[in-house]
Amino acid sequence: GGGGRYDEMIGKFTGNDVCACGFSIGFERIVMLLLEREFQVPTAA
């Protein structure tokens, strides 16, 4: 996963810069690691 600040991207659409920051997790890699651990989904039902 990773991310960061990108304060100039939205301005390319609007002409005015907007402060922006984001973080993305590697969903597929997280799921892969859980599968390799033989993770069991907790269920109350």
PDB file of all heavy atoms in Angstrom:
ATOM      1  N   GLY A   1       0.837  -1.196   0.000  1.00  0.00           N
ATOM      2  CA  GLY A   1       0.000   0.000   0.000  1.00  0.00           C
ATOM      3  C   GLY A   1       0.868   1.241   0.000  1.00  0.00           C
ATOM      4  O   GLY A   1       2.059   1.186   0.316  1.00  0.00           O
ATOM      5  N   GLY A   2       0.276   2.355  -0.380  1.00  0.00           N
ATOM      6  CA  GLY A   2       1.029   3.598  -0.380  1.00  0.00           C
ATOM      7  C   GLY A   2       0.158   4.772  -0.772  1.00  0.00           C
ATOM      8  O   GLY A   2      -1.017   4.624  -1.115  1.00  0.00           O
ATOM      9  N   GLY A   3       0.757   5.940  -0.726  1.00  0.00           N
ATOM     10  CA  GLY A   3       0.016   7.140  -1.101  1.00  0.00           C
ATOM     11  C   GLY A   3       0.833   8.385  -0.856  1.00  0.00           C
ATOM     12  O   GLY A   3       2.047   8.322  -0.692  1.00  0.00           O
ATOM     13  N   GLY A   4       0.132   9.506  -0.814  1.00  0.00           N
ATOM     14  CA  GLY A   4       0.820  10.759  -0.577  1.00  0.00           C
ATOM     15  C   GLY A   4      -0.032  11.952  -0.949  1.00  0.00           C
ATOM     16  O   GLY A   4      -1.214  11.828  -1.276  1.00  0.00           O
ATOM     17  N   ARG A   5       0.597  13.120  -0.912  1.00  0.00           N
ATOM     18  CA  ARG A   5      -0.092  14.387  -1.191  1.00  0.00           C
ATOM     19  C   ARG A   5       0.073  14.752  -2.665  1.00  0.00           C
ATOM     20  O   ARG A   5       1.166  14.663  -3.221  1.00  0.00           O
ATOM     21  CB  ARG A   5       0.470  15.479  -0.287  1.00  0.00           C
ATOM     22  CG  ARG A   5      -0.218  16.829  -0.439  1.00  0.00           C
ATOM     23  CD  ARG A   5       0.153  17.789   0.666  1.00  0.00           C
ATOM     24  NE  ARG A   5      -0.533  17.447   1.922  1.00  0.00           N
ATOM     25  CZ  ARG A   5      -1.755  17.865   2.232  1.00  0.00           C
ATOM     26  NH1 ARG A   5      -2.446  18.624   1.386  1.00  0.00           N
ATOM     27  NH2 ARG A   5      -2.298  17.522   3.383  1.00  0.00           N
ATOM     28  N   TYR A   6      -1.045  15.167  -3.274  1.00  0.00           N
ATOM     29  CA  TYR A   6      -1.036  15.549  -4.698  1.00  0.00           C
ATOM     30  C   TYR A   6      -1.846  16.838  -4.864  1.00  0.00           C
ATOM     31  O   TYR A   6      -2.950  16.848  -5.363  1.00  0.00           O
ATOM     32  CB  TYR A   6      -1.569  14.415  -5.581  1.00  0.00           C
ATOM     33  CG  TYR A   6      -2.938  13.875  -5.191  1.00  0.00           C
ATOM     34  CD1 TYR A   6      -4.090  14.257  -5.873  1.00  0.00           C
ATOM     35  CD2 TYR A   6      -3.082  12.978  -4.131  1.00  0.00           C
ATOM     36  CE1 TYR A   6      -5.341  13.764  -5.526  1.00  0.00           C
ATOM     37  CE2 TYR A   6      -4.328  12.478  -3.771  1.00  0.00           C
ATOM     38  CZ  TYR A   6      -5.454  12.875  -4.475  1.00  0.00           C
ATOM     39  OH  TYR A   6      -6.692  12.388  -4.111  1.00  0.00           O
ATOM     40  N   ASP A   7      -1.262  17.955  -4.455  1.00  0.00           N
ATOM     41  CA  ASP A   7      -1.980  19.228  -4.376  1.00  0.00           C
ATOM     42  C   ASP A   7      -2.234  19.902  -5.722  1.00  0.00           C
ATOM     43  O   ASP A   7      -2.946  20.908  -5.760  1.00  0.00           O
ATOM     44  CB  ASP A   7      -1.206  20.202  -3.478  1.00  0.00           C
ATOM     45  CG  ASP A   7      -1.314  19.851  -2.003  1.00  0.00           C
ATOM     46  OD1 ASP A   7      -2.190  19.029  -1.654  1.00  0.00           O
ATOM     47  OD2 ASP A   7      -0.529  20.385  -1.197  1.00  0.00           O
ATOM     48  N   GLU A   8      -1.656  19.391  -6.800  1.00  0.00           N
ATOM     49  CA  GLU A   8      -1.773  20.092  -8.081  1.00  0.00           C
ATOM     50  C   GLU A   8      -2.641  19.365  -9.104  1.00  0.00           C
ATOM     51  O   GLU A   8      -2.930  19.915 -10.164  1.00  0.00           O
ATOM     52  CB  GLU A   8      -0.372  20.316  -8.675  1.00  0.00           C
ATOM     53  CG  GLU A   8       0.506  21.198  -7.778  1.00  0.00           C
ATOM     54  CD  GLU A   8       1.945  21.282  -8.271  1.00  0.00           C
ATOM     55  OE1 GLU A   8       2.243  20.653  -9.319  1.00  0.00           O
ATOM     56  OE2 GLU A   8       2.757  21.950  -7.610  1.00  0.00           O
ATOM     57  N   MET A   9      -3.083  18.142  -8.805  1.00  0.00           N
ATOM     58  CA  MET A   9      -3.798  17.370  -9.823  1.00  0.00           C
ATOM     59  C   MET A   9      -5.184  17.927 -10.121  1.00  0.00           C
ATOM     60  O   MET A   9      -5.573  18.075 -11.288  1.00  0.00           O
ATOM     61  CB  MET A   9      -3.913  15.901  -9.415  1.00  0.00           C
ATOM     62  CG  MET A   9      -4.566  15.067 -10.514  1.00  0.00           C
ATOM     63  SD  MET A   9      -4.879  13.359 -10.054  1.00  0.00           S
ATOM     64  CE  MET A   9      -3.232  12.719 -10.118  1.00  0.00           C
ATOM     65  N   ILE A  10      -5.963  18.246  -9.089  1.00  0.00           N
ATOM     66  CA  ILE A  10      -7.333  18.707  -9.318  1.00  0.00           C
ATOM     67  C   ILE A  10      -7.332  20.026 -10.081  1.00  0.00           C
ATOM     68  O   ILE A  10      -8.223  20.301 -10.886  1.00  0.00           O
ATOM     69  CB  ILE A  10      -8.085  18.820  -7.980  1.00  0.00           C
ATOM     70  CG1 ILE A  10      -8.218  17.427  -7.348  1.00  0.00           C
ATOM     71  CG2 ILE A  10      -9.473  19.442  -8.171  1.00  0.00           C
ATOM     72  CD1 ILE A  10      -8.786  17.419  -5.951  1.00  0.00           C
ATOM     73  N   GLY A  11      -6.299  20.844  -9.846  1.00  0.00           N
ATOM     74  CA  GLY A  11      -6.197  22.115 -10.557  1.00  0.00           C
ATOM     75  C   GLY A  11      -6.094  21.952 -12.055  1.00  0.00           C
ATOM     76  O   GLY A  11      -6.446  22.870 -12.816  1.00  0.00           O
ATOM     77  N   LYS A  12      -5.635  20.799 -12.523  1.00  0.00           N
ATOM     78  CA  LYS A  12      -5.553  20.554 -13.965  1.00  0.00           C
ATOM     79  C   LYS A  12      -6.947  20.416 -14.576  1.00  0.00           C
ATOM     80  O   LYS A  12      -7.125  20.560 -15.790  1.00  0.00           O
ATOM     81  CB  LYS A  12      -4.715  19.307 -14.248  1.00  0.00           C
ATOM     82  CG  LYS A  12      -3.255  19.446 -13.799  1.00  0.00           C
ATOM     83  CD  LYS A  12      -2.441  18.222 -14.144  1.00  0.00           C
ATOM     84  CE  LYS A  12      -1.025  18.324 -13.586  1.00  0.00           C
ATOM     85  NZ  LYS A  12      -0.269  19.442 -14.134  1.00  0.00           N
ATOM     86  N   PHE A  13      -7.945  20.111 -13.734  1.00  0.00           N
ATOM     87  CA  PHE A  13      -9.325  20.025 -14.201  1.00  0.00           C
ATOM     88  C   PHE A  13     -10.071  21.350 -14.017  1.00  0.00           C
ATOM     89  O   PHE A  13     -10.933  21.692 -14.809  1.00  0.00           O
ATOM     90  CB  PHE A  13     -10.081  18.931 -13.432  1.00  0.00           C
ATOM     91  CG  PHE A  13      -9.608  17.536 -13.721  1.00  0.00           C
ATOM     92  CD1 PHE A  13      -8.617  16.940 -12.958  1.00  0.00           C
ATOM     93  CD2 PHE A  13     -10.154  16.801 -14.764  1.00  0.00           C
ATOM     94  CE1 PHE A  13      -8.182  15.651 -13.208  1.00  0.00           C
ATOM     95  CE2 PHE A  13      -9.729  15.505 -15.028  1.00  0.00           C
ATOM     96  CZ  PHE A  13      -8.738  14.933 -14.259  1.00  0.00           C
ATOM     97  N   THR A  14      -9.752  22.074 -12.937  1.00  0.00           N
ATOM     98  CA  THR A  14     -10.534  23.260 -12.568  1.00  0.00           C
ATOM     99  C   THR A  14      -9.826  24.587 -12.827  1.00  0.00           C
ATOM    100  O   THR A  14     -10.464  25.630 -12.882  1.00  0.00           O
ATOM    101  CB  THR A  14     -10.891  23.204 -11.071  1.00  0.00           C
ATOM    102  OG1 THR A  14      -9.677  23.273 -10.305  1.00  0.00           O
ATOM    103  CG2 THR A  14     -11.640  21.931 -10.730  1.00  0.00           C
ATOM    104  N   GLY A  15      -8.505  24.548 -12.928  1.00  0.00           N
ATOM    105  CA  GLY A  15      -7.746  25.792 -13.038  1.00  0.00           C
ATOM    106  C   GLY A  15      -7.328  26.337 -11.697  1.00  0.00           C
ATOM    107  O   GLY A  15      -6.524  27.270 -11.621  1.00  0.00           O
ATOM    108  N   ASN A  16      -7.863  25.762 -10.619  1.00  0.00           N
ATOM    109  CA  ASN A  16      -7.508  26.186  -9.261  1.00  0.00           C
ATOM    110  C   ASN A  16      -7.045  24.976  -8.464  1.00  0.00           C
ATOM    111  O   ASN A  16      -7.780  23.992  -8.351  1.00  0.00           O
ATOM    112  CB  ASN A  16      -8.713  26.827  -8.551  1.00  0.00           C
ATOM    113  CG  ASN A  16      -9.203  28.075  -9.258  1.00  0.00           C
ATOM    114  OD1 ASN A  16      -8.424  28.979  -9.516  1.00  0.00           O
ATOM    115  ND2 ASN A  16     -10.487  28.114  -9.582  1.00  0.00           N
ATOM    116  N   ASP A  17      -5.829  25.050  -7.916  1.00  0.00           N
ATOM    117  CA  ASP A  17      -5.304  23.920  -7.151  1.00  0.00           C
ATOM    118  C   ASP A  17      -6.125  23.672  -5.892  1.00  0.00           C
ATOM    119  O   ASP A  17      -6.599  24.610  -5.250  1.00  0.00           O
ATOM    120  CB  ASP A  17      -3.844  24.166  -6.765  1.00  0.00           C
ATOM    121  CG  ASP A  17      -2.908  24.006  -7.959  1.00  0.00           C
ATOM    122  OD1 ASP A  17      -3.333  23.411  -8.957  1.00  0.00           O
ATOM    123  OD2 ASP A  17      -1.765  24.492  -7.875  1.00  0.00           O
ATOM    124  N   VAL A  18      -6.302  22.392  -5.559  1.00  0.00           N
ATOM    125  CA  VAL A  18      -7.014  21.969  -4.353  1.00  0.00           C
ATOM    126  C   VAL A  18      -6.097  21.026  -3.579  1.00  0.00           C
ATOM    127  O   VAL A  18      -5.546  20.079  -4.159  1.00  0.00           O
ATOM    128  CB  VAL A  18      -8.337  21.241  -4.700  1.00  0.00           C
ATOM    129  CG1 VAL A  18      -9.006  20.713  -3.435  1.00  0.00           C
ATOM    130  CG2 VAL A  18      -9.280  22.174  -5.447  1.00  0.00           C
ATOM    131  N   CYS A  19      -5.930  21.269  -2.289  1.00  0.00           N
ATOM    132  CA  CYS A  19      -5.104  20.385  -1.460  1.00  0.00           C
ATOM    133  C   CYS A  19      -5.717  18.991  -1.454  1.00  0.00           C
ATOM    134  O   CYS A  19      -6.928  18.839  -1.240  1.00  0.00           O
ATOM    135  CB  CYS A  19      -5.030  20.928  -0.035  1.00  0.00           C
ATOM    136  SG  CYS A  19      -4.303  22.575   0.066  1.00  0.00           S
ATOM    137  N   ALA A  20      -4.891  17.986  -1.663  1.00  0.00           N
ATOM    138  CA  ALA A  20      -5.404  16.615  -1.723  1.00  0.00           C
ATOM    139  C   ALA A  20      -4.334  15.637  -1.250  1.00  0.00           C
ATOM    140  O   ALA A  20      -3.149  15.815  -1.516  1.00  0.00           O
ATOM    141  CB  ALA A  20      -5.836  16.268  -3.143  1.00  0.00           C
ATOM    142  N   CYS A  21      -4.785  14.601  -0.533  1.00  0.00           N
ATOM    143  CA  CYS A  21      -3.870  13.595  -0.009  1.00  0.00           C
ATOM    144  C   CYS A  21      -4.622  12.271   0.060  1.00  0.00           C
ATOM    145  O   CYS A  21      -5.809  12.242   0.430  1.00  0.00           O
ATOM    146  CB  CYS A  21      -3.381  14.005   1.378  1.00  0.00           C
ATOM    147  SG  CYS A  21      -1.943  13.084   1.962  1.00  0.00           S
ATOM    148  N   GLY A  22      -3.951  11.176  -0.299  1.00  0.00           N
ATOM    149  CA  GLY A  22      -4.638   9.885  -0.315  1.00  0.00           C
ATOM    150  C   GLY A  22      -3.749   8.733   0.094  1.00  0.00           C
ATOM    151  O   GLY A  22      -2.520   8.828   0.071  1.00  0.00           O
ATOM    152  N   PHE A  23      -4.403   7.623   0.476  1.00  0.00           N
ATOM    153  CA  PHE A  23      -3.690   6.408   0.873  1.00  0.00           C
ATOM    154  C   PHE A  23      -4.444   5.224   0.285  1.00  0.00           C
ATOM    155  O   PHE A  23      -5.657   5.098   0.441  1.00  0.00           O
ATOM    156  CB  PHE A  23      -3.653   6.288   2.399  1.00  0.00           C
ATOM    157  CG  PHE A  23      -2.479   5.499   2.940  1.00  0.00           C
ATOM    158  CD1 PHE A  23      -1.977   5.767   4.198  1.00  0.00           C
ATOM    159  CD2 PHE A  23      -1.882   4.493   2.202  1.00  0.00           C
ATOM    160  CE1 PHE A  23      -0.889   5.068   4.719  1.00  0.00           C
ATOM    161  CE2 PHE A  23      -0.799   3.786   2.700  1.00  0.00           C
ATOM    162  CZ  PHE A  23      -0.299   4.072   3.969  1.00  0.00           C
ATOM    163  N   SER A  24      -3.729   4.347  -0.413  1.00  0.00           N
ATOM    164  CA  SER A  24      -4.325   3.167  -1.039  1.00  0.00           C
ATOM    165  C   SER A  24      -3.705   1.912  -0.445  1.00  0.00           C
ATOM    166  O   SER A  24      -2.481   1.808  -0.355  1.00  0.00           O
ATOM    167  CB  SER A  24      -4.084   3.193  -2.552  1.00  0.00           C
ATOM    168  OG  SER A  24      -4.571   2.014  -3.165  1.00  0.00           O
ATOM    169  N   ILE A  25      -4.544   0.953  -0.030  1.00  0.00           N
ATOM    170  CA  ILE A  25      -4.001  -0.329   0.430  1.00  0.00           C
ATOM    171  C   ILE A  25      -4.018  -1.317  -0.737  1.00  0.00           C
ATOM    172  O   ILE A  25      -4.876  -1.258  -1.612  1.00  0.00           O
ATOM    173  CB  ILE A  25      -4.780  -0.920   1.621  1.00  0.00           C
ATOM    174  CG1 ILE A  25      -6.243  -1.205   1.258  1.00  0.00           C
ATOM    175  CG2 ILE A  25      -4.668  -0.052   2.845  1.00  0.00           C
ATOM    176  CD1 ILE A  25      -6.935  -2.104   2.241  1.00  0.00           C
ATOM    177  N   GLY A  26      -3.048  -2.225  -0.748  1.00  0.00           N
ATOM    178  CA  GLY A  26      -3.002  -3.263  -1.771  1.00  0.00           C
ATOM    179  C   GLY A  26      -3.996  -4.359  -1.436  1.00  0.00           C
ATOM    180  O   GLY A  26      -3.633  -5.382  -0.836  1.00  0.00           O
ATOM    181  N   PHE A  27      -5.243  -4.156  -1.826  1.00  0.00           N
ATOM    182  CA  PHE A  27      -6.330  -5.063  -1.460  1.00  0.00           C
ATOM    183  C   PHE A  27      -6.004  -6.505  -1.859  1.00  0.00           C
ATOM    184  O   PHE A  27      -6.155  -7.434  -1.055  1.00  0.00           O
ATOM    185  CB  PHE A  27      -7.622  -4.596  -2.126  1.00  0.00           C
ATOM    186  CG  PHE A  27      -8.818  -5.458  -1.828  1.00  0.00           C
ATOM    187  CD1 PHE A  27      -9.607  -5.202  -0.725  1.00  0.00           C
ATOM    188  CD2 PHE A  27      -9.161  -6.531  -2.647  1.00  0.00           C
ATOM    189  CE1 PHE A  27     -10.721  -5.997  -0.444  1.00  0.00           C
ATOM    190  CE2 PHE A  27     -10.249  -7.331  -2.373  1.00  0.00           C
ATOM    191  CZ  PHE A  27     -11.027  -7.058  -1.269  1.00  0.00           C
ATOM    192  N   GLU A  28      -5.554  -6.704  -3.101  1.00  0.00           N
ATOM    193  CA  GLU A  28      -5.291  -8.063  -3.587  1.00  0.00           C
ATOM    194  C   GLU A  28      -4.177  -8.717  -2.782  1.00  0.00           C
ATOM    195  O   GLU A  28      -4.221  -9.922  -2.495  1.00  0.00           O
ATOM    196  CB  GLU A  28      -4.920  -8.030  -5.070  1.00  0.00           C
ATOM    197  CG  GLU A  28      -5.971  -7.399  -5.981  1.00  0.00           C
ATOM    198  CD  GLU A  28      -7.236  -8.239  -6.083  1.00  0.00           C
ATOM    199  OE1 GLU A  28      -7.232  -9.399  -5.646  1.00  0.00           O
ATOM    200  OE2 GLU A  28      -8.236  -7.717  -6.625  1.00  0.00           O
ATOM    201  N   ARG A  29      -3.149  -7.962  -2.422  1.00  0.00           N
ATOM    202  CA  ARG A  29      -2.036  -8.525  -1.668  1.00  0.00           C
ATOM    203  C   ARG A  29      -2.449  -8.848  -0.240  1.00  0.00           C
ATOM    204  O   ARG A  29      -2.020  -9.860   0.323  1.00  0.00           O
ATOM    205  CB  ARG A  29      -0.856  -7.551  -1.700  1.00  0.00           C
ATOM    206  CG  ARG A  29      -0.318  -7.373  -3.106  1.00  0.00           C
ATOM    207  CD  ARG A  29       0.804  -6.360  -3.211  1.00  0.00           C
ATOM    208  NE  ARG A  29       1.254  -6.265  -4.604  1.00  0.00           N
ATOM    209  CZ  ARG A  29       2.250  -5.502  -5.020  1.00  0.00           C
ATOM    210  NH1 ARG A  29       2.905  -4.742  -4.140  1.00  0.00           N
ATOM    211  NH2 ARG A  29       2.589  -5.467  -6.290  1.00  0.00           N
ATOM    212  N   ILE A  30      -3.298  -8.018   0.345  1.00  0.00           N
ATOM    213  CA  ILE A  30      -3.810  -8.290   1.686  1.00  0.00           C
ATOM    214  C   ILE A  30      -4.614  -9.587   1.686  1.00  0.00           C
ATOM    215  O   ILE A  30      -4.441 -10.455   2.550  1.00  0.00           O
ATOM    216  CB  ILE A  30      -4.694  -7.116   2.178  1.00  0.00           C
ATOM    217  CG1 ILE A  30      -3.857  -5.843   2.378  1.00  0.00           C
ATOM    218  CG2 ILE A  30      -5.428  -7.493   3.462  1.00  0.00           C
ATOM    219  CD1 ILE A  30      -2.807  -5.935   3.444  1.00  0.00           C
ATOM    220  N   VAL A  31      -5.489  -9.734   0.695  1.00  0.00           N
ATOM    221  CA  VAL A  31      -6.305 -10.953   0.588  1.00  0.00           C
ATOM    222  C   VAL A  31      -5.409 -12.169   0.365  1.00  0.00           C
ATOM    223  O   VAL A  31      -5.615 -13.236   0.967  1.00  0.00           O
ATOM    224  CB  VAL A  31      -7.342 -10.813  -0.542  1.00  0.00           C
ATOM    225  CG1 VAL A  31      -8.014 -12.154  -0.835  1.00  0.00           C
ATOM    226  CG2 VAL A  31      -8.398  -9.771  -0.180  1.00  0.00           C
ATOM    227  N   MET A  32      -4.395 -12.026  -0.483  1.00  0.00           N
ATOM    228  CA  MET A  32      -3.466 -13.130  -0.755  1.00  0.00           C
ATOM    229  C   MET A  32      -2.762 -13.578   0.523  1.00  0.00           C
ATOM    230  O   MET A  32      -2.642 -14.780   0.795  1.00  0.00           O
ATOM    231  CB  MET A  32      -2.432 -12.695  -1.790  1.00  0.00           C
ATOM    232  CG  MET A  32      -1.437 -13.780  -2.167  1.00  0.00           C
ATOM    233  SD  MET A  32      -0.081 -13.136  -3.164  1.00  0.00           S
ATOM    234  CE  MET A  32       0.820 -12.224  -1.901  1.00  0.00           C
ATOM    235  N   LEU A  33      -2.311 -12.622   1.332  1.00  0.00           N
ATOM    236  CA  LEU A  33      -1.628 -12.964   2.579  1.00  0.00           C
ATOM    237  C   LEU A  33      -2.574 -13.664   3.549  1.00  0.00           C
ATOM    238  O   LEU A  33      -2.185 -14.616   4.240  1.00  0.00           O
ATOM    239  CB  LEU A  33      -1.047 -11.697   3.221  1.00  0.00           C
ATOM    240  CG  LEU A  33       0.124 -11.049   2.468  1.00  0.00           C
ATOM    241  CD1 LEU A  33       0.490  -9.708   3.103  1.00  0.00           C
ATOM    242  CD2 LEU A  33       1.331 -11.971   2.438  1.00  0.00           C
ATOM    243  N   LEU A  34      -3.824 -13.222   3.605  1.00  0.00           N
ATOM    244  CA  LEU A  34      -4.803 -13.865   4.485  1.00  0.00           C
ATOM    245  C   LEU A  34      -5.079 -15.296   4.022  1.00  0.00           C
ATOM    246  O   LEU A  34      -5.220 -16.207   4.843  1.00  0.00           O
ATOM    247  CB  LEU A  34      -6.103 -13.054   4.526  1.00  0.00           C
ATOM    248  CG  LEU A  34      -6.013 -11.686   5.221  1.00  0.00           C
ATOM    249  CD1 LEU A  34      -7.331 -10.924   5.090  1.00  0.00           C
ATOM    250  CD2 LEU A  34      -5.663 -11.842   6.703  1.00  0.00           C
ATOM    251  N   LEU A  35      -5.148 -15.508   2.710  1.00  0.00           N
ATOM    252  CA  LEU A  35      -5.344 -16.856   2.179  1.00  0.00           C
ATOM    253  C   LEU A  35      -4.160 -17.755   2.533  1.00  0.00           C
ATOM    254  O   LEU A  35      -4.335 -18.916   2.919  1.00  0.00           O
ATOM    255  CB  LEU A  35      -5.524 -16.801   0.661  1.00  0.00           C
ATOM    256  CG  LEU A  35      -6.906 -16.416   0.149  1.00  0.00           C
ATOM    257  CD1 LEU A  35      -6.847 -16.071  -1.335  1.00  0.00           C
ATOM    258  CD2 LEU A  35      -7.914 -17.538   0.391  1.00  0.00           C
ATOM    259  N   GLU A  36      -2.952 -17.216   2.409  1.00  0.00           N
ATOM    260  CA  GLU A  36      -1.759 -18.002   2.722  1.00  0.00           C
ATOM    261  C   GLU A  36      -1.687 -18.342   4.203  1.00  0.00           C
ATOM    262  O   GLU A  36      -1.115 -19.369   4.589  1.00  0.00           O
ATOM    263  CB  GLU A  36      -0.516 -17.227   2.286  1.00  0.00           C
ATOM    264  CG  GLU A  36      -0.361 -17.141   0.775  1.00  0.00           C
ATOM    265  CD  GLU A  36       0.829 -16.304   0.337  1.00  0.00           C
ATOM    266  OE1 GLU A  36       1.481 -15.683   1.205  1.00  0.00           O
ATOM    267  OE2 GLU A  36       1.116 -16.262  -0.869  1.00  0.00           O
ATOM    268  N   ARG A  37      -2.268 -17.491   5.037  1.00  0.00           N
ATOM    269  CA  ARG A  37      -2.315 -17.764   6.478  1.00  0.00           C
ATOM    270  C   ARG A  37      -3.405 -18.763   6.841  1.00  0.00           C
ATOM    271  O   ARG A  37      -3.544 -19.143   7.998  1.00  0.00           O
ATOM    272  CB  ARG A  37      -2.636 -16.479   7.250  1.00  0.00           C
ATOM    273  CG  ARG A  37      -1.546 -15.443   7.293  1.00  0.00           C
ATOM    274  CD  ARG A  37      -2.083 -14.300   8.132  1.00  0.00           C
ATOM    275  NE  ARG A  37      -1.162 -13.195   8.258  1.00  0.00           N
ATOM    276  CZ  ARG A  37      -1.402 -12.117   8.998  1.00  0.00           C
ATOM    277  NH1 ARG A  37      -2.569 -12.019   9.642  1.00  0.00           N
ATOM    278  NH2 ARG A  37      -0.520 -11.148   9.076  1.00  0.00           N
ATOM    279  N   GLU A  38      -4.241 -19.111   5.863  1.00  0.00           N
ATOM    280  CA  GLU A  38      -5.439 -19.935   6.096  1.00  0.00           C
ATOM    281  C   GLU A  38      -6.373 -19.235   7.081  1.00  0.00           C
ATOM    282  O   GLU A  38      -6.950 -19.843   7.980  1.00  0.00           O
ATOM    283  CB  GLU A  38      -5.056 -21.332   6.585  1.00  0.00           C
ATOM    284  CG  GLU A  38      -4.225 -22.114   5.573  1.00  0.00           C
ATOM    285  CD  GLU A  38      -3.963 -23.544   5.993  1.00  0.00           C
ATOM    286  OE1 GLU A  38      -4.341 -23.899   7.131  1.00  0.00           O
ATOM    287  OE2 GLU A  38      -3.391 -24.300   5.194  1.00  0.00           O
ATOM    288  N   PHE A  39      -6.515 -17.936   6.847  1.00  0.00           N
ATOM    289  CA  PHE A  39      -7.370 -17.086   7.688  1.00  0.00           C
ATOM    290  C   PHE A  39      -8.822 -17.570   7.648  1.00  0.00           C
ATOM    291  O   PHE A  39      -9.348 -17.892   6.586  1.00  0.00           O
ATOM    292  CB  PHE A  39      -7.279 -15.645   7.190  1.00  0.00           C
ATOM    293  CG  PHE A  39      -8.170 -14.669   7.909  1.00  0.00           C
ATOM    294  CD1 PHE A  39      -7.816 -14.176   9.150  1.00  0.00           C
ATOM    295  CD2 PHE A  39      -9.355 -14.240   7.331  1.00  0.00           C
ATOM    296  CE1 PHE A  39      -8.628 -13.260   9.802  1.00  0.00           C
ATOM    297  CE2 PHE A  39     -10.177 -13.325   7.976  1.00  0.00           C
ATOM    298  CZ  PHE A  39      -9.810 -12.836   9.222  1.00  0.00           C
ATOM    299  N   GLN A  40      -9.442 -17.634   8.823  1.00  0.00           N
ATOM    300  CA  GLN A  40     -10.846 -18.020   8.920  1.00  0.00           C
ATOM    301  C   GLN A  40     -11.684 -16.788   9.240  1.00  0.00           C
ATOM    302  O   GLN A  40     -11.412 -16.077  10.211  1.00  0.00           O
ATOM    303  CB  GLN A  40     -11.052 -19.087  10.011  1.00  0.00           C
ATOM    304  CG  GLN A  40     -10.340 -20.394   9.718  1.00  0.00           C
ATOM    305  CD  GLN A  40     -10.856 -21.068   8.461  1.00  0.00           C
ATOM    306  OE1 GLN A  40     -12.063 -21.120   8.213  1.00  0.00           O
ATOM    307  NE2 GLN A  40      -9.935 -21.587   7.645  1.00  0.00           N
ATOM    308  N   VAL A  41     -12.663 -16.539   8.408  1.00  0.00           N
ATOM    309  CA  VAL A  41     -13.523 -15.370   8.618  1.00  0.00           C
ATOM    310  C   VAL A  41     -14.369 -15.575   9.862  1.00  0.00           C
ATOM    311  O   VAL A  41     -15.091 -16.580   9.974  1.00  0.00           O
ATOM    312  CB  VAL A  41     -14.437 -15.151   7.390  1.00  0.00           C
ATOM    313  CG1 VAL A  41     -15.474 -14.071   7.691  1.00  0.00           C
ATOM    314  CG2 VAL A  41     -13.610 -14.777   6.181  1.00  0.00           C
ATOM    315  N   PRO A  42     -14.266 -14.659  10.830  1.00  0.00           N
ATOM    316  CA  PRO A  42     -15.110 -14.795  12.026  1.00  0.00           C
ATOM    317  C   PRO A  42     -16.564 -14.525  11.669  1.00  0.00           C
ATOM    318  O   PRO A  42     -16.868 -13.606  10.922  1.00  0.00           O
ATOM    319  CB  PRO A  42     -14.568 -13.705  12.963  1.00  0.00           C
ATOM    320  CG  PRO A  42     -13.908 -12.713  12.069  1.00  0.00           C
ATOM    321  CD  PRO A  42     -13.400 -13.469  10.888  1.00  0.00           C
ATOM    322  N   THR A  43     -17.452 -15.357  12.173  1.00  0.00           N
ATOM    323  CA  THR A  43     -18.870 -15.155  11.892  1.00  0.00           C
ATOM    324  C   THR A  43     -19.675 -15.369  13.164  1.00  0.00           C
ATOM    325  O   THR A  43     -19.451 -16.332  13.901  1.00  0.00           O
ATOM    326  CB  THR A  43     -19.367 -16.100  10.787  1.00  0.00           C
ATOM    327  OG1 THR A  43     -20.782 -15.959  10.646  1.00  0.00           O
ATOM    328  CG2 THR A  43     -19.033 -17.555  11.090  1.00  0.00           C
ATOM    329  N   ALA A  44     -20.591 -14.466  13.409  1.00  0.00           N
ATOM    330  CA  ALA A  44     -21.442 -14.573  14.603  1.00  0.00           C
ATOM    331  C   ALA A  44     -22.619 -15.505  14.343  1.00  0.00           C
ATOM    332  O   ALA A  44     -23.205 -16.062  15.265  1.00  0.00           O
ATOM    333  CB  ALA A  44     -21.955 -13.190  14.990  1.00  0.00           C
ATOM    334  N   ALA A  45     -22.963 -15.686  13.070  1.00  0.00           N
ATOM    335  CA  ALA A  45     -24.133 -16.492  12.735  1.00  0.00           C
ATOM    336  C   ALA A  45     -23.811 -17.987  12.793  1.00  0.00           C
ATOM    337  O   ALA A  45     -22.726 -18.420  12.404  1.00  0.00           O
ATOM    338  CB  ALA A  45     -24.619 -16.128  11.333  1.00  0.00           C
TER     339      ALA A  45
END
